[in-house]
């Protein structure tokens, strides 16, 4: 009888199992905040060793960060900075997740994200472009919120590249990171920084553009030479999502997100003038390109690419730069 009394009842055993499952669920939820959920699922399914081993795969990589972050840190208190960065990371990561991407890491104020990893995803180029545009809209909302706290509008820039890279677990015996490595990753970071030279917000490589051009509108920026790369790179500005599903190229009202006080016809006229200028510029004729960029600026004075390329044409005509249609960036 004593032995029978000491034996756990079925109810207590079930309660113990429930508590164990609840504890495991809390642990996994906490773990997923440090490791991408998709990677956690792979680990639980037992496929990590096979799927996450180092190997080559074509992925789309996105980098984005805040413009003037160093100055921001000097201008506000640590408490306000932590609040702002929390808002920023929350908003950016929400758009990554909403488009099927995976957060790779935070690097200071920078967000690095991937598409087509760890699970394969058709149309990953378009998904990353969609995330980049949604991030811009989210940033506009955040600026409205921060203004009430006395923080001036903050800008941010995005670089997107699609390339074949090494994907998998990297690190040492006591710590690993599921990430990507390769020249294509470095280029995505360089494109983010190169926005500064053009006055743009979102810059993508030709490989990303080609994978997403049926769904999005892009503007050709030309060819750039970035530090660390021997070959020049063709780059494009991501403008907006196409308004029509038939790929006819109709311009979406989203194209006006950066020029809310500018009339639509002015934007379209400036775009037409710019196209004539960039054709001459890439053809190695900066003299002929100059009036087109100048007129585009007269129609749309805040257009960064027209201004940047006009200045480059002026320097090329004066003999300070080669007439090769290549813009050299400092970062």
Protein backbone atom coordinates (compact mmCIF):
# COMPACT_ATOMS: atom_id res chain seq x y z
CA UNK A 1 0.00 0.00 0.00
CA UNK A 2 2.87 2.36 0.81
CA UNK A 3 4.51 1.59 -2.54
CA UNK A 4 1.23 2.22 -4.35
CA UNK A 5 0.83 5.57 -2.58
CA UNK A 6 4.34 6.66 -3.58
CA UNK A 7 3.80 5.91 -7.24
CA UNK A 8 2.94 9.07 -9.27
CA UNK A 9 -0.60 9.22 -10.55
CA UNK A 10 -1.46 9.49 -14.23
CA UNK A 11 -2.66 13.05 -13.63
CA UNK A 12 0.64 14.12 -12.07
CA UNK A 13 2.57 12.53 -14.94
CA UNK A 14 0.48 14.39 -17.49
CA UNK A 15 0.96 17.64 -15.55
CA UNK A 16 4.70 17.04 -15.53
CA UNK A 17 4.72 16.51 -19.28
CA UNK A 18 2.75 19.71 -19.78
CA UNK A 19 5.20 21.67 -17.66
CA UNK A 20 8.13 20.21 -19.60
CA UNK A 21 6.56 21.11 -22.93
CA UNK A 22 5.76 24.62 -21.69
CA UNK A 23 9.35 25.06 -20.52
CA UNK A 24 10.66 23.81 -23.87
CA UNK A 25 8.32 26.14 -25.74
CA UNK A 26 9.53 29.14 -23.74
CA UNK A 27 13.12 28.10 -24.35
CA UNK A 28 12.61 27.74 -28.09
CA UNK A 29 10.82 31.09 -28.27
CA UNK A 30 13.74 32.74 -26.52
CA UNK A 31 16.23 30.85 -28.73
CA UNK A 32 14.44 32.04 -31.87
CA UNK A 33 15.19 35.64 -30.88
CA UNK A 34 18.90 34.93 -31.23
CA UNK A 35 18.76 32.59 -34.24
CA UNK A 36 16.49 32.91 -37.32
CA UNK A 37 13.28 30.93 -36.86
CA UNK A 38 13.85 29.09 -40.13
CA UNK A 39 17.23 27.89 -38.86
CA UNK A 40 15.69 26.79 -35.53
CA UNK A 41 13.12 24.73 -37.43
CA UNK A 42 15.89 23.09 -39.43
CA UNK A 43 17.69 22.21 -36.22
CA UNK A 44 14.57 20.66 -34.70
CA UNK A 45 13.82 18.69 -37.85
CA UNK A 46 17.31 17.21 -37.81
CA UNK A 47 18.16 18.59 -41.25
CA UNK A 48 20.68 21.17 -40.07
CA UNK A 49 23.77 19.09 -40.79
CA UNK A 50 22.61 18.38 -44.32
CA UNK A 51 20.95 21.65 -45.34
CA UNK A 52 23.13 24.12 -43.46
CA UNK A 53 26.52 22.71 -44.35
CA UNK A 54 28.75 25.13 -46.23
CA UNK A 55 27.88 25.27 -49.89
CA UNK A 56 27.21 27.56 -52.82
CA UNK A 57 23.81 29.09 -53.44
CA UNK A 58 22.38 32.10 -55.24
CA UNK A 59 20.78 34.42 -52.69
CA UNK A 60 19.66 38.02 -52.51
CA UNK A 61 21.38 40.07 -49.82
CA UNK A 62 20.13 43.38 -48.43
CA UNK A 63 21.96 45.93 -46.30
CA UNK A 64 20.29 48.98 -44.83
CA UNK A 65 21.35 51.54 -42.25
CA UNK A 66 20.61 55.00 -40.90
CA UNK A 67 22.17 58.08 -42.51
CA UNK A 68 24.23 60.13 -40.08
CA UNK A 69 24.13 57.60 -37.27
CA UNK A 70 27.36 58.88 -35.70
CA UNK A 71 26.01 62.43 -35.48
CA UNK A 72 22.74 61.10 -34.09
CA UNK A 73 24.60 59.34 -31.26
CA UNK A 74 26.27 62.62 -30.30
CA UNK A 75 23.06 64.65 -30.42
CA UNK A 76 20.71 62.59 -28.23
CA UNK A 77 20.81 60.81 -24.91
CA UNK A 78 21.57 57.10 -24.61
CA UNK A 79 18.01 56.42 -23.45
CA UNK A 80 16.48 58.07 -26.52
CA UNK A 81 19.01 56.34 -28.80
CA UNK A 82 18.08 52.91 -27.45
CA UNK A 83 14.40 53.70 -28.00
CA UNK A 84 14.99 54.89 -31.58
CA UNK A 85 17.14 51.91 -32.53
CA UNK A 86 14.58 49.53 -31.04
CA UNK A 87 11.87 51.11 -33.19
CA UNK A 88 14.10 51.01 -36.25
CA UNK A 89 15.14 47.37 -35.92
CA UNK A 90 11.58 46.29 -35.12
CA UNK A 91 10.20 47.98 -38.24
CA UNK A 92 12.95 46.80 -40.58
CA UNK A 93 12.86 43.20 -39.37
CA UNK A 94 9.07 43.12 -39.67
CA UNK A 95 9.37 43.92 -43.38
CA UNK A 96 12.07 41.28 -43.85
CA UNK A 97 9.84 38.64 -42.26
CA UNK A 98 6.74 39.79 -44.16
CA UNK A 99 8.50 39.19 -47.49
CA UNK A 100 9.94 35.78 -46.60
CA UNK A 101 13.43 36.97 -45.77
CA UNK A 102 15.71 36.02 -42.90
CA UNK A 103 17.51 38.45 -40.63
CA UNK A 104 21.21 37.62 -40.74
CA UNK A 105 22.58 40.09 -38.22
CA UNK A 106 22.69 43.61 -36.83
CA UNK A 107 25.94 45.50 -37.44
CA UNK A 108 25.75 48.69 -35.42
CA UNK A 109 22.81 50.52 -37.00
CA UNK A 110 22.92 48.25 -40.07
CA UNK A 111 20.50 45.43 -40.84
CA UNK A 112 21.70 42.53 -43.02
CA UNK A 113 19.03 40.21 -44.41
CA UNK A 114 18.83 37.29 -46.85
CA UNK A 115 16.32 35.80 -49.24
CA UNK A 116 16.41 32.26 -50.67
CA UNK A 117 18.03 30.91 -47.50
CA UNK A 118 17.80 28.68 -45.62
CA UNK A 119 14.69 27.56 -47.53
CA UNK A 120 14.72 28.04 -51.28
CA UNK A 121 12.30 30.71 -52.50
CA UNK A 122 11.44 31.46 -56.14
CA UNK A 123 11.33 35.18 -56.86
CA UNK A 124 13.68 36.11 -54.05
CA UNK A 125 14.97 39.13 -55.98
CA UNK A 126 11.47 40.65 -56.12
CA UNK A 127 10.85 39.79 -52.47
CA UNK A 128 13.94 41.72 -51.40
CA UNK A 129 12.95 44.70 -53.54
CA UNK A 130 9.50 44.67 -51.99
CA UNK A 131 11.05 44.66 -48.54
CA UNK A 132 13.28 47.61 -49.46
CA UNK A 133 10.28 49.69 -50.56
CA UNK A 134 8.23 48.73 -47.53
CA UNK A 135 11.16 49.71 -45.33
CA UNK A 136 11.04 53.19 -46.87
CA UNK A 137 7.36 53.51 -46.02
CA UNK A 138 8.01 52.22 -42.50
CA UNK A 139 10.85 54.73 -42.05
CA UNK A 140 8.53 57.59 -43.02
CA UNK A 141 6.11 56.51 -40.29
CA UNK A 142 8.92 56.25 -37.77
CA UNK A 143 10.11 59.77 -38.56
CA UNK A 144 6.64 61.10 -37.80
CA UNK A 145 6.74 59.31 -34.46
CA UNK A 146 10.27 60.46 -33.59
CA UNK A 147 9.57 64.08 -34.47
CA UNK A 148 7.29 64.26 -31.44
CA UNK A 149 10.34 63.33 -29.34
CA UNK A 150 12.39 66.18 -30.77
CA UNK A 151 14.43 64.03 -33.17
CA UNK A 152 14.87 65.42 -36.68
CA UNK A 153 13.94 63.29 -39.69
CA UNK A 154 16.41 60.49 -40.23
CA UNK A 155 17.32 59.16 -43.65
CA UNK A 156 18.37 55.66 -44.47
CA UNK A 157 19.82 53.79 -47.43
CA UNK A 158 19.49 50.29 -48.83
CA UNK A 159 21.71 48.16 -51.05
CA UNK A 160 20.54 44.90 -52.64
CA UNK A 161 22.55 42.35 -54.62
CA UNK A 162 21.84 38.87 -55.95
CA UNK A 163 24.84 36.59 -56.25
CA UNK A 164 26.20 33.09 -55.78
CA UNK A 165 27.75 32.97 -52.31
CA UNK A 166 28.89 30.52 -49.67
CA UNK A 167 26.01 29.70 -47.33
CA UNK A 168 26.16 27.77 -44.09
CA UNK A 169 27.54 27.54 -40.58
CA UNK A 170 30.70 29.54 -39.93
CA UNK A 171 32.61 30.16 -36.75
CA UNK A 172 34.64 28.24 -34.21
CA UNK A 173 34.23 25.33 -31.79
CA UNK A 174 32.24 27.31 -29.22
CA UNK A 175 30.21 29.65 -31.43
CA UNK A 176 28.81 29.46 -34.95
CA UNK A 177 26.75 31.72 -37.16
CA UNK A 178 24.47 30.72 -40.02
CA UNK A 179 25.34 33.30 -42.66
CA UNK A 180 26.70 33.98 -46.13
CA UNK A 181 30.19 34.91 -47.31
CA UNK A 182 31.59 36.07 -50.59
CA UNK A 183 32.16 38.95 -52.96
CA UNK A 184 28.43 39.23 -53.61
CA UNK A 185 27.80 39.98 -49.94
CA UNK A 186 30.47 42.67 -49.91
CA UNK A 187 28.96 44.24 -53.03
CA UNK A 188 25.53 44.56 -51.40
CA UNK A 189 27.17 46.52 -48.59
CA UNK A 190 29.04 48.68 -51.09
CA UNK A 191 25.82 49.46 -52.96
CA UNK A 192 24.19 50.65 -49.74
CA UNK A 193 27.07 53.08 -49.18
CA UNK A 194 27.13 54.15 -52.86
CA UNK A 195 23.65 55.64 -52.52
CA UNK A 196 25.38 58.64 -50.98
CA UNK A 197 27.17 59.46 -54.24
CA UNK A 198 23.90 59.48 -56.21
CA UNK A 199 21.54 60.90 -53.60
CA UNK A 200 19.41 57.76 -53.83
CA UNK A 201 17.72 55.64 -51.18
CA UNK A 202 17.70 52.15 -52.71
CA UNK A 203 20.39 50.87 -55.08
CA UNK A 204 20.40 47.39 -56.61
CA UNK A 205 22.75 45.43 -58.82
CA UNK A 206 21.98 44.35 -62.37
CA UNK A 207 21.44 40.75 -61.25
CA UNK A 208 18.76 41.84 -58.78
CA UNK A 209 17.14 44.12 -61.34
CA UNK A 210 16.96 41.34 -63.92
CA UNK A 211 15.25 39.04 -61.43
CA UNK A 212 12.66 41.62 -60.38
CA UNK A 213 12.04 43.80 -63.43
CA UNK A 214 8.68 42.17 -64.23
CA UNK A 215 7.29 43.47 -60.94
CA UNK A 216 9.25 46.66 -60.25
CA UNK A 217 10.44 49.80 -61.98
CA UNK A 218 14.12 50.68 -61.94
CA UNK A 219 16.19 53.60 -63.14
CA UNK A 220 19.60 52.98 -64.68
CA UNK A 221 22.29 54.82 -62.73
CA UNK A 222 25.18 53.69 -64.88
CA UNK A 223 28.36 51.89 -63.92
CA UNK A 224 30.31 52.40 -60.73
CA UNK A 225 33.77 51.44 -59.55
CA UNK A 226 33.70 50.49 -55.89
CA UNK A 227 36.79 50.09 -53.70
CA UNK A 228 38.05 46.53 -53.59
CA UNK A 229 36.57 45.49 -56.95
CA UNK A 230 38.48 45.47 -60.22
CA UNK A 231 35.44 45.24 -62.50
CA UNK A 232 32.92 48.06 -62.75
CA UNK A 233 29.34 47.26 -61.71
CA UNK A 234 26.09 48.24 -63.42
CA UNK A 235 23.68 49.67 -60.85
CA UNK A 236 20.06 50.77 -60.75
CA UNK A 237 17.79 52.77 -58.50
CA UNK A 238 14.75 50.89 -57.22
CA UNK A 239 11.79 53.20 -57.81
CA UNK A 240 8.50 51.47 -57.16
CA UNK A 241 6.32 48.46 -57.76
CA UNK A 242 4.57 48.36 -61.13
CA UNK A 243 0.94 49.36 -60.84
CA UNK A 244 -0.26 46.75 -63.33
CA UNK A 245 0.15 42.99 -63.12
CA UNK A 246 0.66 42.63 -66.86
CA UNK A 247 4.15 44.10 -66.69
CA UNK A 248 3.26 47.05 -68.91
CA UNK A 249 5.39 49.40 -66.88
CA UNK A 250 2.64 51.73 -65.70
CA UNK A 251 3.99 54.00 -62.98
CA UNK A 252 2.59 53.44 -59.51
CA UNK A 253 1.70 56.42 -57.31
CA UNK A 254 4.30 55.00 -54.93
CA UNK A 255 6.90 56.51 -57.24
CA UNK A 256 6.03 59.87 -55.68
CA UNK A 257 6.84 58.77 -52.12
CA UNK A 258 10.03 60.87 -52.11
CA UNK A 259 8.48 63.84 -53.90
CA UNK A 260 5.12 64.24 -52.27
CA UNK A 261 4.91 67.94 -53.11
CA UNK A 262 5.99 67.50 -56.74
CA UNK A 263 3.47 67.19 -59.54
CA UNK A 264 3.37 63.80 -61.22
CA UNK A 265 3.96 65.21 -64.70
CA UNK A 266 7.14 66.89 -63.48
CA UNK A 267 8.47 63.58 -62.20
CA UNK A 268 7.72 61.85 -65.49
CA UNK A 269 9.24 64.67 -67.58
CA UNK A 270 12.39 64.66 -65.49
CA UNK A 271 12.60 60.88 -65.89
CA UNK A 272 12.39 61.21 -69.67
CA UNK A 273 15.13 63.85 -69.74
CA UNK A 274 17.28 61.75 -67.45
CA UNK A 275 17.02 58.72 -69.76
CA UNK A 276 18.39 60.78 -72.64
CA UNK A 277 21.21 62.02 -70.46
CA UNK A 278 22.21 58.61 -69.13
CA UNK A 279 22.25 57.18 -72.66
CA UNK A 280 24.76 59.83 -73.74
CA UNK A 281 26.76 59.46 -70.54
CA UNK A 282 27.13 55.70 -70.88
CA UNK A 283 28.05 56.22 -74.52
CA UNK A 284 31.11 58.15 -73.38
CA UNK A 285 29.77 61.56 -74.42
CA UNK A 286 29.53 63.71 -71.26
CA UNK A 287 29.33 66.89 -73.36
CA UNK A 288 26.03 65.77 -74.90
CA UNK A 289 24.76 64.39 -71.58
CA UNK A 290 25.20 67.67 -69.68
CA UNK A 291 22.17 69.61 -71.06
CA UNK A 292 19.83 66.67 -70.49
CA UNK A 293 20.82 66.31 -66.83
CA UNK A 294 20.69 70.09 -66.38
CA UNK A 295 17.18 70.30 -67.79
CA UNK A 296 16.07 67.33 -65.67
CA UNK A 297 17.30 69.23 -62.60
CA UNK A 298 15.41 72.36 -63.65
CA UNK A 299 12.22 70.28 -63.68
CA UNK A 300 13.00 68.29 -60.54
CA UNK A 301 15.69 70.13 -58.51
CA UNK A 302 15.82 67.48 -55.78
CA UNK A 303 16.73 64.62 -58.12
CA UNK A 304 20.00 63.24 -56.77
CA UNK A 305 21.13 61.11 -59.75
CA UNK A 306 20.70 63.99 -62.22
CA UNK A 307 22.77 66.25 -59.99
CA UNK A 308 25.50 63.66 -59.37
CA UNK A 309 25.88 62.78 -63.04
CA UNK A 310 25.81 66.41 -64.14
CA UNK A 311 28.70 67.15 -61.78
CA UNK A 312 30.55 64.10 -63.12
CA UNK A 313 29.99 65.27 -66.70
CA UNK A 314 31.33 68.72 -65.84
CA UNK A 315 34.49 67.18 -64.39
CA UNK A 316 34.89 64.85 -67.38
CA UNK A 317 34.54 67.70 -69.89
CA UNK A 318 37.14 69.71 -68.00
CA UNK A 319 39.51 66.75 -68.14
CA UNK A 320 39.45 66.01 -64.41
CA UNK A 321 37.83 62.59 -64.91
CA UNK A 322 37.89 60.05 -67.77
CA UNK A 323 35.00 60.05 -70.24
CA UNK A 324 34.26 56.36 -69.69
CA UNK A 325 30.78 56.59 -68.17
CA UNK A 326 31.98 55.21 -64.84
CA UNK A 327 31.34 56.88 -61.50
CA UNK A 328 33.96 56.20 -58.86
CA UNK A 329 32.73 55.92 -55.29
CA UNK A 330 34.79 56.47 -52.16
CA UNK A 331 33.30 53.60 -50.11
